[in-house]
């Protein structure tokens, strides 16, 4: 059990998760600016991008790199500095850190060591897209980036098909035209919104059915990163499909079922990730901790 009182005195430093603008620099909060000025150092996914932000607000803090490719080396060093009393602000390129980025690993390690982790909220692309989509907001599921491989994408979508929550995906302009036909084939021609360039000059929302959005992409070049907001399953559809065969199984039990069918460990992990709509590396990392 781990209990955190964020603003009590601690013998170690604090890890601040600082949201940065997703486009319009005016969306940074006064608190975020203050924290970025006060911390011992700032850990950034892309130091070049973050340096522009710091320069704009005259923030002179020490900047270090923390991203997917160096987290194995830089993560332990950041934890060491936190344990010695340094305060650290973690930022991503845009929006809230630790969402679909390696910051989640640093947070997990900090929590395990009893280091306070404090959010400094701000802009978030997925939630901004949701609230302007015109689709239900009472219940939603953020699923991150869809898999690139066609079969993995199909299995990933099958795992989401019976969800009655509004679905949120991120997608690149280079792949969105391929992802939409897969969504229609697996989920059906549901209502959706394609939203890009949030808070920027060319902010745009295209709303309609999946097929209508496909048609729009055939006539217009996709530009900028997209957030796809897709209607959830209706009550009848959700009920008809029933529970997935793996519900109630742990990740290890899930992967073991595939291994019992003769699948190699690597393929079992891939299928487990696809079933659950997870990233393969996340499933692999979790199973390797066992």
Protein backbone atom coordinates (compact mmCIF):
# COMPACT_ATOMS: atom_id res chain seq x y z
CA UNK A 1 0.00 0.00 0.00
CA UNK A 2 1.21 3.48 -0.86
CA UNK A 3 -0.28 6.68 0.58
CA UNK A 4 0.84 10.07 -0.70
CA UNK A 5 0.19 13.46 0.89
CA UNK A 6 1.44 15.61 -1.94
CA UNK A 7 2.14 18.83 -0.07
CA UNK A 8 3.63 17.57 3.15
CA UNK A 9 7.37 17.78 3.81
CA UNK A 10 9.32 14.91 2.25
CA UNK A 11 12.89 13.78 2.61
CA UNK A 12 13.12 13.28 -1.17
CA UNK A 13 12.25 15.47 -4.12
CA UNK A 14 8.95 15.62 -6.00
CA UNK A 15 8.25 14.49 -9.54
CA UNK A 16 5.92 17.02 -11.18
CA UNK A 17 3.97 15.97 -14.30
CA UNK A 18 3.61 19.29 -16.08
CA UNK A 19 1.18 19.73 -18.95
CA UNK A 20 2.42 21.88 -21.83
CA UNK A 21 0.42 23.49 -24.66
CA UNK A 22 -0.74 21.25 -27.51
CA UNK A 23 -0.49 24.13 -29.96
CA UNK A 24 -1.45 27.55 -28.69
CA UNK A 25 1.19 28.68 -26.20
CA UNK A 26 -1.41 30.72 -24.32
CA UNK A 27 -2.79 27.44 -22.97
CA UNK A 28 0.07 27.01 -20.51
CA UNK A 29 -1.03 27.65 -16.93
CA UNK A 30 0.48 30.11 -14.48
CA UNK A 31 1.18 27.20 -12.15
CA UNK A 32 3.03 25.30 -14.87
CA UNK A 33 5.30 28.29 -15.51
CA UNK A 34 6.01 28.64 -11.80
CA UNK A 35 6.82 24.94 -11.34
CA UNK A 36 9.10 24.92 -14.40
CA UNK A 37 11.00 27.87 -12.93
CA UNK A 38 11.29 26.37 -9.45
CA UNK A 39 12.32 22.74 -10.10
CA UNK A 40 15.92 21.53 -10.02
CA UNK A 41 15.66 20.20 -13.57
CA UNK A 42 13.21 19.56 -16.39
CA UNK A 43 13.07 16.15 -18.09
CA UNK A 44 11.79 16.49 -21.65
CA UNK A 45 10.80 14.07 -24.38
CA UNK A 46 12.30 16.40 -27.01
CA UNK A 47 14.67 18.98 -25.57
CA UNK A 48 14.66 21.05 -28.77
CA UNK A 49 10.89 21.43 -28.68
CA UNK A 50 10.80 22.13 -24.95
CA UNK A 51 13.62 24.68 -25.20
CA UNK A 52 11.42 26.80 -27.48
CA UNK A 53 8.68 26.78 -24.85
CA UNK A 54 11.08 27.64 -22.04
CA UNK A 55 12.56 30.49 -24.05
CA UNK A 56 9.10 31.90 -24.76
CA UNK A 57 8.34 32.16 -21.03
CA UNK A 58 11.89 33.08 -19.94
CA UNK A 59 12.46 29.86 -18.02
CA UNK A 60 16.15 29.11 -17.49
CA UNK A 61 15.94 25.72 -15.76
CA UNK A 62 18.33 22.85 -16.45
CA UNK A 63 16.99 20.67 -19.25
CA UNK A 64 17.68 16.94 -19.64
CA UNK A 65 16.46 14.31 -22.08
CA UNK A 66 14.07 11.49 -21.17
CA UNK A 67 12.40 9.54 -23.97
CA UNK A 68 11.59 6.03 -25.18
CA UNK A 69 15.09 5.33 -26.47
CA UNK A 70 17.08 6.47 -23.43
CA UNK A 71 14.67 5.76 -20.56
CA UNK A 72 16.55 2.64 -19.45
CA UNK A 73 19.62 4.78 -18.74
CA UNK A 74 18.14 8.16 -17.81
CA UNK A 75 15.22 6.84 -15.74
CA UNK A 76 17.35 5.39 -12.90
CA UNK A 77 19.43 8.56 -12.83
CA UNK A 78 16.33 10.73 -12.47
CA UNK A 79 15.08 8.47 -9.66
CA UNK A 80 18.47 8.80 -7.93
CA UNK A 81 18.29 12.59 -8.13
CA UNK A 82 14.74 12.57 -6.77
CA UNK A 83 15.78 10.38 -3.84
CA UNK A 84 18.62 12.81 -3.11
CA UNK A 85 16.15 15.69 -2.87
CA UNK A 86 16.04 17.21 -6.35
CA UNK A 87 12.66 18.25 -7.71
CA UNK A 88 11.99 17.31 -11.33
CA UNK A 89 9.38 18.44 -13.84
CA UNK A 90 8.51 15.86 -16.51
CA UNK A 91 7.12 17.26 -19.76
CA UNK A 92 6.18 15.71 -23.10
CA UNK A 93 6.29 17.41 -26.49
CA UNK A 94 2.72 18.59 -25.98
CA UNK A 95 -0.11 17.98 -23.54
CA UNK A 96 -0.07 15.81 -20.45
CA UNK A 97 3.05 13.69 -19.89
CA UNK A 98 2.84 9.95 -19.11
CA UNK A 99 -0.05 9.41 -21.56
CA UNK A 100 1.07 7.12 -24.38
CA UNK A 101 4.70 8.03 -23.66
CA UNK A 102 7.57 6.66 -21.55
CA UNK A 103 6.79 9.04 -18.70
CA UNK A 104 4.46 6.37 -17.36
CA UNK A 105 7.48 4.17 -16.61
CA UNK A 106 9.17 6.95 -14.64
CA UNK A 107 5.98 7.54 -12.67
CA UNK A 108 5.71 3.84 -11.84
CA UNK A 109 9.30 3.72 -10.61
CA UNK A 110 8.82 6.87 -8.53
CA UNK A 111 5.66 5.51 -6.91
CA UNK A 112 7.41 2.24 -6.05
CA UNK A 113 10.18 4.23 -4.31
CA UNK A 114 7.73 6.36 -2.32
CA UNK A 115 8.59 9.52 -4.26
CA UNK A 116 5.69 12.02 -4.45
CA UNK A 117 4.24 12.40 -7.94
CA UNK A 118 2.22 15.61 -8.42
CA UNK A 119 0.15 16.50 -11.50
CA UNK A 120 0.17 20.02 -12.90
CA UNK A 121 -2.83 19.72 -15.24
CA UNK A 122 -3.37 21.49 -18.52
CA UNK A 123 -4.11 20.89 -22.17
CA UNK A 124 -4.87 17.38 -23.44
CA UNK A 125 -5.61 16.60 -27.09
CA UNK A 126 -7.86 13.59 -26.51
CA UNK A 127 -10.17 15.34 -24.06
CA UNK A 128 -10.23 18.53 -26.13
CA UNK A 129 -11.28 16.47 -29.15
CA UNK A 130 -13.91 14.59 -27.17
CA UNK A 131 -15.71 17.66 -25.92
CA UNK A 132 -16.03 19.20 -29.40
CA UNK A 133 -16.87 15.93 -31.18
CA UNK A 134 -20.61 16.06 -30.56
CA UNK A 135 -20.48 12.44 -29.35
CA UNK A 136 -21.41 11.24 -25.83
CA UNK A 137 -18.99 12.30 -23.11
CA UNK A 138 -20.48 10.47 -20.12
CA UNK A 139 -18.20 7.46 -20.64
CA UNK A 140 -15.15 7.23 -22.89
CA UNK A 141 -12.10 5.06 -23.51
CA UNK A 142 -8.73 6.42 -24.61
CA UNK A 143 -6.98 3.69 -26.60
CA UNK A 144 -3.86 5.53 -27.78
CA UNK A 145 -2.33 4.77 -31.18
CA UNK A 146 -3.78 1.88 -33.24
CA UNK A 147 -1.35 -0.90 -34.26
CA UNK A 148 0.23 -0.53 -37.69
CA UNK A 149 0.06 -4.14 -38.82
CA UNK A 150 -3.25 -4.92 -40.57
CA UNK A 151 -4.02 -8.10 -38.64
CA UNK A 152 -3.01 -6.57 -35.31
CA UNK A 153 -5.22 -3.58 -36.07
CA UNK A 154 -8.17 -5.85 -36.80
CA UNK A 155 -7.70 -7.79 -33.55
CA UNK A 156 -7.21 -4.56 -31.61
CA UNK A 157 -10.48 -3.17 -32.96
CA UNK A 158 -12.28 -6.44 -32.23
CA UNK A 159 -11.26 -6.01 -28.60
CA UNK A 160 -12.99 -2.61 -28.61
CA UNK A 161 -16.06 -3.56 -30.62
CA UNK A 162 -18.47 -4.22 -27.76
CA UNK A 163 -17.40 -1.19 -25.72
CA UNK A 164 -20.34 1.15 -25.23
CA UNK A 165 -17.98 4.01 -24.40
CA UNK A 166 -16.98 6.69 -26.87
CA UNK A 167 -13.59 5.65 -28.26
CA UNK A 168 -10.60 7.98 -28.59
CA UNK A 169 -7.61 7.21 -30.83
CA UNK A 170 -4.55 9.13 -31.96
CA UNK A 171 -3.45 8.68 -35.57
CA UNK A 172 -0.84 10.16 -37.89
CA UNK A 173 -1.76 11.88 -41.18
CA UNK A 174 0.15 9.16 -43.04
CA UNK A 175 -2.01 6.33 -41.67
CA UNK A 176 -5.43 7.79 -41.01
CA UNK A 177 -6.75 6.92 -44.50
CA UNK A 178 -5.86 3.24 -43.87
CA UNK A 179 -7.21 3.16 -40.32
CA UNK A 180 -10.71 4.39 -41.15
CA UNK A 181 -11.63 1.48 -43.49
CA UNK A 182 -10.48 -0.93 -40.77
CA UNK A 183 -12.67 0.86 -38.23
CA UNK A 184 -15.68 0.61 -40.55
CA UNK A 185 -15.01 -3.06 -41.34
CA UNK A 186 -14.77 -4.10 -37.70
CA UNK A 187 -16.88 -1.58 -35.76
CA UNK A 188 -19.39 -0.69 -38.46
CA UNK A 189 -20.29 2.65 -40.02
CA UNK A 190 -20.61 4.51 -36.74
CA UNK A 191 -20.69 8.22 -36.10
CA UNK A 192 -17.27 9.74 -35.60
CA UNK A 193 -15.22 12.91 -35.64
CA UNK A 194 -11.75 13.49 -37.06
CA UNK A 195 -10.10 16.38 -35.27
CA UNK A 196 -6.72 17.84 -36.08
CA UNK A 197 -4.45 20.80 -35.27
CA UNK A 198 -6.19 21.45 -31.96
CA UNK A 199 -5.72 25.00 -30.63
CA UNK A 200 -3.71 25.95 -33.74
CA UNK A 201 -4.61 28.23 -36.66
CA UNK A 202 -5.85 25.34 -38.80
CA UNK A 203 -7.87 23.57 -36.11
CA UNK A 204 -10.51 21.48 -37.85
CA UNK A 205 -13.22 18.97 -36.93
CA UNK A 206 -14.79 16.72 -39.57
CA UNK A 207 -17.93 15.02 -38.23
CA UNK A 208 -20.06 12.36 -39.84
CA UNK A 209 -20.12 8.59 -40.25
CA UNK A 210 -16.93 6.60 -40.75
CA UNK A 211 -17.72 6.22 -44.47
CA UNK A 212 -18.37 9.95 -44.82
CA UNK A 213 -15.02 10.69 -43.19
CA UNK A 214 -13.36 8.20 -45.55
CA UNK A 215 -14.89 10.06 -48.49
CA UNK A 216 -13.66 13.36 -47.11
CA UNK A 217 -10.11 12.01 -46.88
CA UNK A 218 -10.27 10.85 -50.50
CA UNK A 219 -11.01 14.44 -51.51
CA UNK A 220 -8.77 16.26 -49.02
CA UNK A 221 -5.15 15.65 -48.08
CA UNK A 222 -4.82 14.65 -44.40
CA UNK A 223 -2.56 17.13 -42.64
CA UNK A 224 -1.46 17.23 -39.00
CA UNK A 225 -1.89 14.73 -36.21
CA UNK A 226 -5.45 13.45 -35.80
CA UNK A 227 -7.56 12.54 -32.82
CA UNK A 228 -10.30 10.14 -33.89
CA UNK A 229 -13.44 10.10 -31.77
CA UNK A 230 -15.69 7.13 -32.54
CA UNK A 231 -19.18 6.34 -31.24
CA UNK A 232 -19.35 3.40 -28.85
CA UNK A 233 -21.44 0.27 -29.37
CA UNK A 234 -25.17 0.64 -28.79
CA UNK A 235 -26.79 -1.36 -26.00
CA UNK A 236 -27.98 -4.22 -28.20
CA UNK A 237 -24.65 -4.59 -29.99
CA UNK A 238 -22.72 -4.59 -26.72
CA UNK A 239 -25.02 -7.20 -25.19
CA UNK A 240 -25.03 -9.47 -28.25
CA UNK A 241 -21.28 -9.82 -28.40
CA UNK A 242 -20.90 -11.10 -24.87
CA UNK A 243 -17.68 -11.11 -22.88
CA UNK A 244 -14.31 -11.81 -24.46
CA UNK A 245 -12.94 -15.30 -23.80
CA UNK A 246 -9.96 -13.89 -21.94
CA UNK A 247 -11.85 -11.69 -19.50
CA UNK A 248 -10.89 -12.55 -15.95
CA UNK A 249 -7.47 -13.88 -16.97
CA UNK A 250 -4.24 -12.21 -15.95
CA UNK A 251 -1.81 -11.17 -18.70
CA UNK A 252 0.32 -14.22 -17.93
CA UNK A 253 -2.67 -16.57 -18.09
CA UNK A 254 -3.84 -14.93 -21.30
CA UNK A 255 -0.45 -15.38 -23.03
CA UNK A 256 -0.13 -18.92 -21.67
CA UNK A 257 -3.39 -19.91 -23.39
CA UNK A 258 -1.83 -19.07 -26.74
CA UNK A 259 1.37 -20.92 -25.82
CA UNK A 260 -0.72 -23.99 -24.98
CA UNK A 261 -2.04 -23.79 -28.55
CA UNK A 262 1.51 -24.01 -29.86
CA UNK A 263 2.26 -20.33 -30.36
CA UNK A 264 5.84 -19.13 -29.64
CA UNK A 265 6.18 -16.79 -26.66
CA UNK A 266 6.70 -13.73 -28.86
CA UNK A 267 3.57 -14.44 -30.90
CA UNK A 268 1.56 -15.20 -27.75
CA UNK A 269 2.50 -11.78 -26.37
CA UNK A 270 1.59 -10.08 -29.64
CA UNK A 271 -1.84 -11.74 -29.72
CA UNK A 272 -2.45 -10.95 -26.06
CA UNK A 273 -1.70 -7.28 -26.70
CA UNK A 274 -3.95 -7.23 -29.77
CA UNK A 275 -6.84 -8.86 -27.87
CA UNK A 276 -6.69 -6.26 -25.12
CA UNK A 277 -5.97 -3.22 -27.28
CA UNK A 278 -2.57 -2.74 -25.63
CA UNK A 279 0.89 -1.98 -26.99
CA UNK A 280 2.96 -5.13 -27.43
CA UNK A 281 5.94 -3.60 -25.63
CA UNK A 282 3.77 -2.80 -22.58
CA UNK A 283 2.57 -6.41 -22.34
CA UNK A 284 6.13 -7.69 -22.84
CA UNK A 285 7.52 -5.38 -20.14
CA UNK A 286 4.80 -6.38 -17.70
CA UNK A 287 5.32 -10.11 -18.26
CA UNK A 288 9.09 -9.75 -17.98
CA UNK A 289 8.67 -8.30 -14.48
CA UNK A 290 7.07 -11.53 -13.27
